[in-house]
């Protein structure tokens, strides 16, 4: 699993707080996000509550994957 710098973490949190995508989105065939805004809020809370704990890097991973997928989808 990737280790994220404090700067990388701050960048993705800032993106998540600014993202205005409404509704559902399929991140993969197995990952359906019913409410993107709620998902973003939950992941940001998880990251901030456990800052520096590498066990929670999967939350950062998911945000980066969502950002990339939304950009590729033109959303």
PDB file of N, CA and C in Angstrom:
ATOM      1  N   UNK A   1       0.849  -1.178   0.000  1.00  0.00           N
ATOM      2  CA  UNK A   1       0.000   0.000   0.000  1.00  0.00           C
ATOM      3  C   UNK A   1       0.896   1.243   0.000  1.00  0.00           C
ATOM      4  N   UNK A   2       0.489   2.230  -0.742  1.00  0.00           N
ATOM      5  CA  UNK A   2       1.263   3.455  -0.856  1.00  0.00           C
ATOM      6  C   UNK A   2       1.263   4.232   0.463  1.00  0.00           C
ATOM      7  N   UNK A   3       2.402   4.800   0.771  1.00  0.00           N
ATOM      8  CA  UNK A   3       2.507   5.712   1.910  1.00  0.00           C
ATOM      9  C   UNK A   3       2.340   7.129   1.362  1.00  0.00           C
ATOM     10  N   UNK A   4       1.516   7.928   1.983  1.00  0.00           N
ATOM     11  CA  UNK A   4       1.244   9.280   1.521  1.00  0.00           C
ATOM     12  C   UNK A   4       1.935  10.308   2.401  1.00  0.00           C
ATOM     13  N   UNK A   5       2.471  11.337   1.760  1.00  0.00           N
ATOM     14  CA  UNK A   5       3.056  12.442   2.515  1.00  0.00           C
ATOM     15  C   UNK A   5       1.927  13.302   3.068  1.00  0.00           C
ATOM     16  N   UNK A   6       2.269  14.129   4.015  1.00  0.00           N
ATOM     17  CA  UNK A   6       1.277  15.051   4.573  1.00  0.00           C
ATOM     18  C   UNK A   6       0.723  15.948   3.463  1.00  0.00           C
ATOM     19  N   UNK A   7       1.592  16.377   2.557  1.00  0.00           N
ATOM     20  CA  UNK A   7       1.163  17.249   1.444  1.00  0.00           C
ATOM     21  C   UNK A   7       0.191  16.526   0.517  1.00  0.00           C
ATOM     22  N   UNK A   8       0.491  15.280   0.170  1.00  0.00           N
ATOM     23  CA  UNK A   8      -0.419  14.502  -0.684  1.00  0.00           C
ATOM     24  C   UNK A   8      -1.782  14.327  -0.011  1.00  0.00           C
ATOM     25  N   UNK A   9      -1.753  14.107   1.279  1.00  0.00           N
ATOM     26  CA  UNK A   9      -2.994  13.959   2.035  1.00  0.00           C
ATOM     27  C   UNK A   9      -3.778  15.261   2.044  1.00  0.00           C
ATOM     28  N   UNK A  10      -3.100  16.367   2.261  1.00  0.00           N
ATOM     29  CA  UNK A  10      -3.773  17.675   2.258  1.00  0.00           C
ATOM     30  C   UNK A  10      -4.377  17.994   0.892  1.00  0.00           C
ATOM     31  N   UNK A  11      -3.674  17.645  -0.171  1.00  0.00           N
ATOM     32  CA  UNK A  11      -4.160  17.910  -1.530  1.00  0.00           C
ATOM     33  C   UNK A  11      -5.453  17.155  -1.800  1.00  0.00           C
ATOM     34  N   UNK A  12      -5.495  15.871  -1.460  1.00  0.00           N
ATOM     35  CA  UNK A  12      -6.696  15.094  -1.760  1.00  0.00           C
ATOM     36  C   UNK A  12      -7.854  15.485  -0.848  1.00  0.00           C
ATOM     37  N   UNK A  13      -7.572  15.874   0.386  1.00  0.00           N
ATOM     38  CA  UNK A  13      -8.641  16.347   1.273  1.00  0.00           C
ATOM     39  C   UNK A  13      -9.221  17.646   0.729  1.00  0.00           C
ATOM     40  N   UNK A  14      -8.363  18.552   0.273  1.00  0.00           N
ATOM     41  CA  UNK A  14      -8.845  19.811  -0.304  1.00  0.00           C
ATOM     42  C   UNK A  14      -9.715  19.526  -1.528  1.00  0.00           C
ATOM     43  N   UNK A  15      -9.281  18.593  -2.383  1.00  0.00           N
ATOM     44  CA  UNK A  15     -10.077  18.245  -3.555  1.00  0.00           C
ATOM     45  C   UNK A  15     -11.438  17.702  -3.124  1.00  0.00           C
ATOM     46  N   UNK A  16     -11.447  16.794  -2.153  1.00  0.00           N
ATOM     47  CA  UNK A  16     -12.693  16.170  -1.696  1.00  0.00           C
ATOM     48  C   UNK A  16     -13.661  17.205  -1.144  1.00  0.00           C
ATOM     49  N   UNK A  17     -13.140  18.200  -0.447  1.00  0.00           N
ATOM     50  CA  UNK A  17     -14.001  19.241   0.119  1.00  0.00           C
ATOM     51  C   UNK A  17     -14.547  20.173  -0.959  1.00  0.00           C
ATOM     52  N   UNK A  18     -13.839  20.306  -2.070  1.00  0.00           N
ATOM     53  CA  UNK A  18     -14.274  21.189  -3.158  1.00  0.00           C
ATOM     54  C   UNK A  18     -15.120  20.473  -4.208  1.00  0.00           C
ATOM     55  N   UNK A  19     -15.060  19.161  -4.245  1.00  0.00           N
ATOM     56  CA  UNK A  19     -15.785  18.383  -5.249  1.00  0.00           C
ATOM     57  C   UNK A  19     -17.292  18.579  -5.074  1.00  0.00           C
ATOM     58  N   UNK A  20     -17.974  18.842  -6.177  1.00  0.00           N
ATOM     59  CA  UNK A  20     -19.413  19.115  -6.128  1.00  0.00           C
ATOM     60  C   UNK A  20     -20.232  18.090  -6.901  1.00  0.00           C
ATOM     61  N   UNK A  21     -19.690  16.895  -7.103  1.00  0.00           N
ATOM     62  CA  UNK A  21     -20.412  15.854  -7.835  1.00  0.00           C
ATOM     63  C   UNK A  21     -21.599  15.389  -7.007  1.00  0.00           C
ATOM     64  N   UNK A  22     -22.764  15.391  -7.617  1.00  0.00           N
ATOM     65  CA  UNK A  22     -23.987  14.962  -6.937  1.00  0.00           C
ATOM     66  C   UNK A  22     -24.427  13.612  -7.493  1.00  0.00           C
ATOM     67  N   UNK A  23     -24.926  12.769  -6.642  1.00  0.00           N
ATOM     68  CA  UNK A  23     -25.492  11.508  -7.086  1.00  0.00           C
ATOM     69  C   UNK A  23     -24.564  10.333  -6.899  1.00  0.00           C
ATOM     70  N   UNK A  24     -24.834   9.292  -7.696  1.00  0.00           N
ATOM     71  CA  UNK A  24     -24.123   8.025  -7.584  1.00  0.00           C
ATOM     72  C   UNK A  24     -23.019   7.930  -8.631  1.00  0.00           C
ATOM     73  N   UNK A  25     -22.063   7.024  -8.358  1.00  0.00           N
ATOM     74  CA  UNK A  25     -20.963   6.808  -9.298  1.00  0.00           C
ATOM     75  C   UNK A  25     -20.410   5.413  -9.069  1.00  0.00           C
ATOM     76  N   UNK A  26     -20.093   4.715 -10.164  1.00  0.00           N
ATOM     77  CA  UNK A  26     -19.463   3.397 -10.067  1.00  0.00           C
ATOM     78  C   UNK A  26     -17.955   3.570 -10.160  1.00  0.00           C
ATOM     79  N   UNK A  27     -17.279   3.356  -9.060  1.00  0.00           N
ATOM     80  CA  UNK A  27     -15.828   3.485  -9.014  1.00  0.00           C
ATOM     81  C   UNK A  27     -15.164   2.296  -9.709  1.00  0.00           C
ATOM     82  N   UNK A  28     -15.794   1.149  -9.631  1.00  0.00           N
ATOM     83  CA  UNK A  28     -15.347  -0.053 -10.331  1.00  0.00           C
ATOM     84  C   UNK A  28     -16.563  -0.960 -10.481  1.00  0.00           C
ATOM     85  N   UNK A  29     -16.368  -2.117 -11.083  1.00  0.00           N
ATOM     86  CA  UNK A  29     -17.476  -3.058 -11.216  1.00  0.00           C
ATOM     87  C   UNK A  29     -18.003  -3.507  -9.853  1.00  0.00           C
ATOM     88  N   UNK A  30     -17.138  -3.483  -8.874  1.00  0.00           N
ATOM     89  CA  UNK A  30     -17.508  -3.967  -7.538  1.00  0.00           C
ATOM     90  C   UNK A  30     -17.735  -2.850  -6.520  1.00  0.00           C
ATOM     91  N   UNK A  31     -17.498  -1.587  -6.926  1.00  0.00           N
ATOM     92  CA  UNK A  31     -17.608  -0.470  -5.974  1.00  0.00           C
ATOM     93  C   UNK A  31     -18.573   0.589  -6.497  1.00  0.00           C
ATOM     94  N   UNK A  32     -19.782   0.528  -5.992  1.00  0.00           N
ATOM     95  CA  UNK A  32     -20.803   1.510  -6.347  1.00  0.00           C
ATOM     96  C   UNK A  32     -20.934   2.497  -5.187  1.00  0.00           C
ATOM     97  N   UNK A  33     -20.820   3.776  -5.496  1.00  0.00           N
ATOM     98  CA  UNK A  33     -20.985   4.825  -4.484  1.00  0.00           C
ATOM     99  C   UNK A  33     -22.350   5.447  -4.726  1.00  0.00           C
ATOM    100  N   UNK A  34     -23.265   5.242  -3.811  1.00  0.00           N
ATOM    101  CA  UNK A  34     -24.634   5.727  -3.988  1.00  0.00           C
ATOM    102  C   UNK A  34     -24.729   7.247  -3.845  1.00  0.00           C
ATOM    103  N   UNK A  35     -23.997   7.802  -2.906  1.00  0.00           N
ATOM    104  CA  UNK A  35     -24.031   9.249  -2.651  1.00  0.00           C
ATOM    105  C   UNK A  35     -22.583   9.731  -2.556  1.00  0.00           C
ATOM    106  N   UNK A  36     -22.079  10.311  -3.617  1.00  0.00           N
ATOM    107  CA  UNK A  36     -20.670  10.716  -3.676  1.00  0.00           C
ATOM    108  C   UNK A  36     -20.337  11.738  -2.593  1.00  0.00           C
ATOM    109  N   UNK A  37     -21.200  12.698  -2.354  1.00  0.00           N
ATOM    110  CA  UNK A  37     -20.910  13.710  -1.337  1.00  0.00           C
ATOM    111  C   UNK A  37     -20.790  13.091   0.054  1.00  0.00           C
ATOM    112  N   UNK A  38     -21.684  12.167   0.379  1.00  0.00           N
ATOM    113  CA  UNK A  38     -21.617  11.500   1.678  1.00  0.00           C
ATOM    114  C   UNK A  38     -20.342  10.655   1.770  1.00  0.00           C
ATOM    115  N   UNK A  39     -19.997   9.986   0.672  1.00  0.00           N
ATOM    116  CA  UNK A  39     -18.773   9.184   0.618  1.00  0.00           C
ATOM    117  C   UNK A  39     -17.555  10.074   0.866  1.00  0.00           C
ATOM    118  N   UNK A  40     -17.497  11.217   0.189  1.00  0.00           N
ATOM    119  CA  UNK A  40     -16.370  12.136   0.353  1.00  0.00           C
ATOM    120  C   UNK A  40     -16.264  12.615   1.794  1.00  0.00           C
ATOM    121  N   UNK A  41     -17.391  13.018   2.368  1.00  0.00           N
ATOM    122  CA  UNK A  41     -17.398  13.487   3.758  1.00  0.00           C
ATOM    123  C   UNK A  41     -16.908  12.397   4.710  1.00  0.00           C
ATOM    124  N   UNK A  42     -17.378  11.169   4.502  1.00  0.00           N
ATOM    125  CA  UNK A  42     -16.992  10.057   5.382  1.00  0.00           C
ATOM    126  C   UNK A  42     -15.503   9.740   5.261  1.00  0.00           C
ATOM    127  N   UNK A  43     -14.997   9.733   4.040  1.00  0.00           N
ATOM    128  CA  UNK A  43     -13.575   9.428   3.847  1.00  0.00           C
ATOM    129  C   UNK A  43     -12.694  10.528   4.446  1.00  0.00           C
ATOM    130  N   UNK A  44     -13.077  11.782   4.262  1.00  0.00           N
ATOM    131  CA  UNK A  44     -12.310  12.890   4.840  1.00  0.00           C
ATOM    132  C   UNK A  44     -12.304  12.790   6.366  1.00  0.00           C
ATOM    133  N   UNK A  45     -13.439  12.510   6.962  1.00  0.00           N
ATOM    134  CA  UNK A  45     -13.507  12.356   8.421  1.00  0.00           C
ATOM    135  C   UNK A  45     -12.608  11.213   8.888  1.00  0.00           C
ATOM    136  N   UNK A  46     -12.637  10.109   8.161  1.00  0.00           N
ATOM    137  CA  UNK A  46     -11.799   8.946   8.493  1.00  0.00           C
ATOM    138  C   UNK A  46     -10.316   9.318   8.438  1.00  0.00           C
ATOM    139  N   UNK A  47      -9.918   9.995   7.385  1.00  0.00           N
ATOM    140  CA  UNK A  47      -8.512  10.387   7.210  1.00  0.00           C
ATOM    141  C   UNK A  47      -8.082  11.348   8.316  1.00  0.00           C
ATOM    142  N   UNK A  48      -8.906  12.344   8.580  1.00  0.00           N
ATOM    143  CA  UNK A  48      -8.549  13.339   9.594  1.00  0.00           C
ATOM    144  C   UNK A  48      -8.538  12.745  10.995  1.00  0.00           C
ATOM    145  N   UNK A  49      -9.423  11.817  11.273  1.00  0.00           N
ATOM    146  CA  UNK A  49      -9.480  11.209  12.606  1.00  0.00           C
ATOM    147  C   UNK A  49      -8.278  10.307  12.876  1.00  0.00           C
ATOM    148  N   UNK A  50      -7.684   9.773  11.812  1.00  0.00           N
ATOM    149  CA  UNK A  50      -6.588   8.815  11.972  1.00  0.00           C
ATOM    150  C   UNK A  50      -5.334   9.278  11.247  1.00  0.00           C
ATOM    151  N   UNK A  51      -5.136  10.580  11.199  1.00  0.00           N
ATOM    152  CA  UNK A  51      -4.002  11.160  10.467  1.00  0.00           C
ATOM    153  C   UNK A  51      -2.685  10.524  10.889  1.00  0.00           C
ATOM    154  N   UNK A  52      -1.927  10.106   9.889  1.00  0.00           N
ATOM    155  CA  UNK A  52      -0.616   9.527  10.155  1.00  0.00           C
ATOM    156  C   UNK A  52      -0.629   8.032  10.386  1.00  0.00           C
ATOM    157  N   UNK A  53      -1.805   7.437  10.551  1.00  0.00           N
ATOM    158  CA  UNK A  53      -1.896   6.002  10.775  1.00  0.00           C
ATOM    159  C   UNK A  53      -2.007   5.313   9.414  1.00  0.00           C
ATOM    160  N   UNK A  54      -0.986   4.567   9.000  1.00  0.00           N
ATOM    161  CA  UNK A  54      -0.983   3.966   7.664  1.00  0.00           C
ATOM    162  C   UNK A  54      -2.088   2.942   7.435  1.00  0.00           C
ATOM    163  N   UNK A  55      -2.712   2.455   8.490  1.00  0.00           N
ATOM    164  CA  UNK A  55      -3.827   1.517   8.337  1.00  0.00           C
ATOM    165  C   UNK A  55      -4.968   2.169   7.543  1.00  0.00           C
ATOM    166  N   UNK A  56      -5.079   3.481   7.629  1.00  0.00           N
ATOM    167  CA  UNK A  56      -6.180   4.195   6.990  1.00  0.00           C
ATOM    168  C   UNK A  56      -5.787   4.807   5.647  1.00  0.00           C
ATOM    169  N   UNK A  57      -4.635   4.398   5.103  1.00  0.00           N
ATOM    170  CA  UNK A  57      -4.234   4.883   3.777  1.00  0.00           C
ATOM    171  C   UNK A  57      -5.199   4.428   2.693  1.00  0.00           C
ATOM    172  N   UNK A  58      -5.962   3.383   2.946  1.00  0.00           N
ATOM    173  CA  UNK A  58      -6.942   2.934   1.960  1.00  0.00           C
ATOM    174  C   UNK A  58      -8.002   4.007   1.704  1.00  0.00           C
ATOM    175  N   UNK A  59      -8.307   4.829   2.694  1.00  0.00           N
ATOM    176  CA  UNK A  59      -9.248   5.937   2.490  1.00  0.00           C
ATOM    177  C   UNK A  59      -8.662   6.969   1.533  1.00  0.00           C
ATOM    178  N   UNK A  60      -7.378   7.237   1.673  1.00  0.00           N
ATOM    179  CA  UNK A  60      -6.694   8.166   0.769  1.00  0.00           C
ATOM    180  C   UNK A  60      -6.645   7.560  -0.625  1.00  0.00           C
ATOM    181  N   UNK A  61      -6.350   6.267  -0.714  1.00  0.00           N
ATOM    182  CA  UNK A  61      -6.343   5.569  -1.997  1.00  0.00           C
ATOM    183  C   UNK A  61      -7.677   5.731  -2.708  1.00  0.00           C
ATOM    184  N   UNK A  62      -8.759   5.494  -1.978  1.00  0.00           N
ATOM    185  CA  UNK A  62     -10.096   5.578  -2.586  1.00  0.00           C
ATOM    186  C   UNK A  62     -10.389   6.984  -3.095  1.00  0.00           C
ATOM    187  N   UNK A  63      -9.969   8.005  -2.358  1.00  0.00           N
ATOM    188  CA  UNK A  63     -10.204   9.371  -2.823  1.00  0.00           C
ATOM    189  C   UNK A  63      -9.421   9.662  -4.101  1.00  0.00           C
ATOM    190  N   UNK A  64      -8.167   9.242  -4.142  1.00  0.00           N
ATOM    191  CA  UNK A  64      -7.378   9.445  -5.360  1.00  0.00           C
ATOM    192  C   UNK A  64      -7.967   8.663  -6.534  1.00  0.00           C
ATOM    193  N   UNK A  65      -8.446   7.450  -6.276  1.00  0.00           N
ATOM    194  CA  UNK A  65      -9.058   6.661  -7.346  1.00  0.00           C
ATOM    195  C   UNK A  65     -10.343   7.314  -7.836  1.00  0.00           C
ATOM    196  N   UNK A  66     -11.148   7.843  -6.914  1.00  0.00           N
ATOM    197  CA  UNK A  66     -12.385   8.520  -7.303  1.00  0.00           C
ATOM    198  C   UNK A  66     -12.078   9.772  -8.106  1.00  0.00           C
ATOM    199  N   UNK A  67     -11.112  10.545  -7.670  1.00  0.00           N
ATOM    200  CA  UNK A  67     -10.726  11.763  -8.394  1.00  0.00           C
ATOM    201  C   UNK A  67     -10.340  11.420  -9.827  1.00  0.00           C
ATOM    202  N   UNK A  68      -9.491  10.414  -9.990  1.00  0.00           N
ATOM    203  CA  UNK A  68      -9.041  10.004 -11.321  1.00  0.00           C
ATOM    204  C   UNK A  68     -10.216   9.520 -12.168  1.00  0.00           C
ATOM    205  N   UNK A  69     -11.084   8.708 -11.584  1.00  0.00           N
ATOM    206  CA  UNK A  69     -12.229   8.169 -12.322  1.00  0.00           C
ATOM    207  C   UNK A  69     -13.200   9.265 -12.752  1.00  0.00           C
ATOM    208  N   UNK A  70     -13.443  10.227 -11.881  1.00  0.00           N
ATOM    209  CA  UNK A  70     -14.324  11.338 -12.242  1.00  0.00           C
ATOM    210  C   UNK A  70     -13.712  12.187 -13.354  1.00  0.00           C
ATOM    211  N   UNK A  71     -12.430  12.426 -13.261  1.00  0.00           N
ATOM    212  CA  UNK A  71     -11.747  13.198 -14.309  1.00  0.00           C
ATOM    213  C   UNK A  71     -11.800  12.456 -15.639  1.00  0.00           C
ATOM    214  N   UNK A  72     -11.559  11.156 -15.616  1.00  0.00           N
ATOM    215  CA  UNK A  72     -11.601  10.369 -16.850  1.00  0.00           C
ATOM    216  C   UNK A  72     -13.010  10.310 -17.449  1.00  0.00           C
ATOM    217  N   UNK A  73     -14.022  10.356 -16.581  1.00  0.00           N
ATOM    218  CA  UNK A  73     -15.411  10.338 -17.033  1.00  0.00           C
ATOM    219  C   UNK A  73     -15.885  11.735 -17.446  1.00  0.00           C
ATOM    220  N   UNK A  74     -15.020  12.728 -17.247  1.00  0.00           N
ATOM    221  CA  UNK A  74     -15.392  14.101 -17.594  1.00  0.00           C
ATOM    222  C   UNK A  74     -16.399  14.720 -16.660  1.00  0.00           C
ATOM    223  N   UNK A  75     -16.392  14.297 -15.432  1.00  0.00           N
ATOM    224  CA  UNK A  75     -17.369  14.798 -14.446  1.00  0.00           C
ATOM    225  C   UNK A  75     -16.731  15.779 -13.497  1.00  0.00           C
TER     226      UNK A  75
END
